[in-house]
Amino acid sequence: MESRVELRDDTMGPSNASAARVVTASDDRSARVWDAATGKPLTGALEHQGAVSSAVFSSDGTRVVTASVDMTARVWDAATGEPLTGALEHQGQVLTAAFSPDGTRVITASDDRTARIWDAATGMPLSAPIEHQGQVQSAAFSPDGTHVVTASVDKTARVWDVAPDTGTLDQWSAVAERSPFLLSGQGVLVRRAP
């Protein structure tokens, strides 16, 4: 059985969770959040119907997104292991998933030749599929969240402009309200108080 691991050290974060956590993705159809110091699980299994190909924390450590060969990605509460959205569905296996830097969006990459951008709170798609000529092996947001890079077996890597400049003001206001960050009066991005 193959597993993949991501480490999250919360000891320096503003919430001061006081312990490092890891999230694992496994071929046993589950992911799980663990206490790195004790090796004990902190959540129940984050279950899929097929092997879990990736699992990563959001930047604030409160959520986990998983990708699975069952053709879905899912967003989970990292403390309870409860699903926070419905399934983020593709027409093929989902190979990777990641949060945007501000945690409001998720990008998924699939062997259905697409990457998709989703609202991390609702699970609704925020754009048309990002298409390649072959399976999309990976996708990630730029550090400022305005671009996505995708890599495909079609032998291309592409950069896409995904700046949140489309949609209604109400739609983007709702996304901004869910962000764990806010813009200070000096124009600096700061973490929202818990």
Foldseek 3Di string as FASTA:
>chain_A
DDKDKDKAACCPPPVNPVFIWMWMFFQVQWIFIAGPVPRHTQEDTLGDPGGWQDWDAQLNRQWIWIFFQNQWIFIAGNRYSHTQEPTLGDPGGWNDKYAQNQRQWMWIWGQVQWIFIAGNRYSHTPDDTHGDPGGWNDKDADNVRQWMWIDGPVGDIDIGGRHPPDDDPVVVVVSQVPGQWDQDPVRDIDGHDD
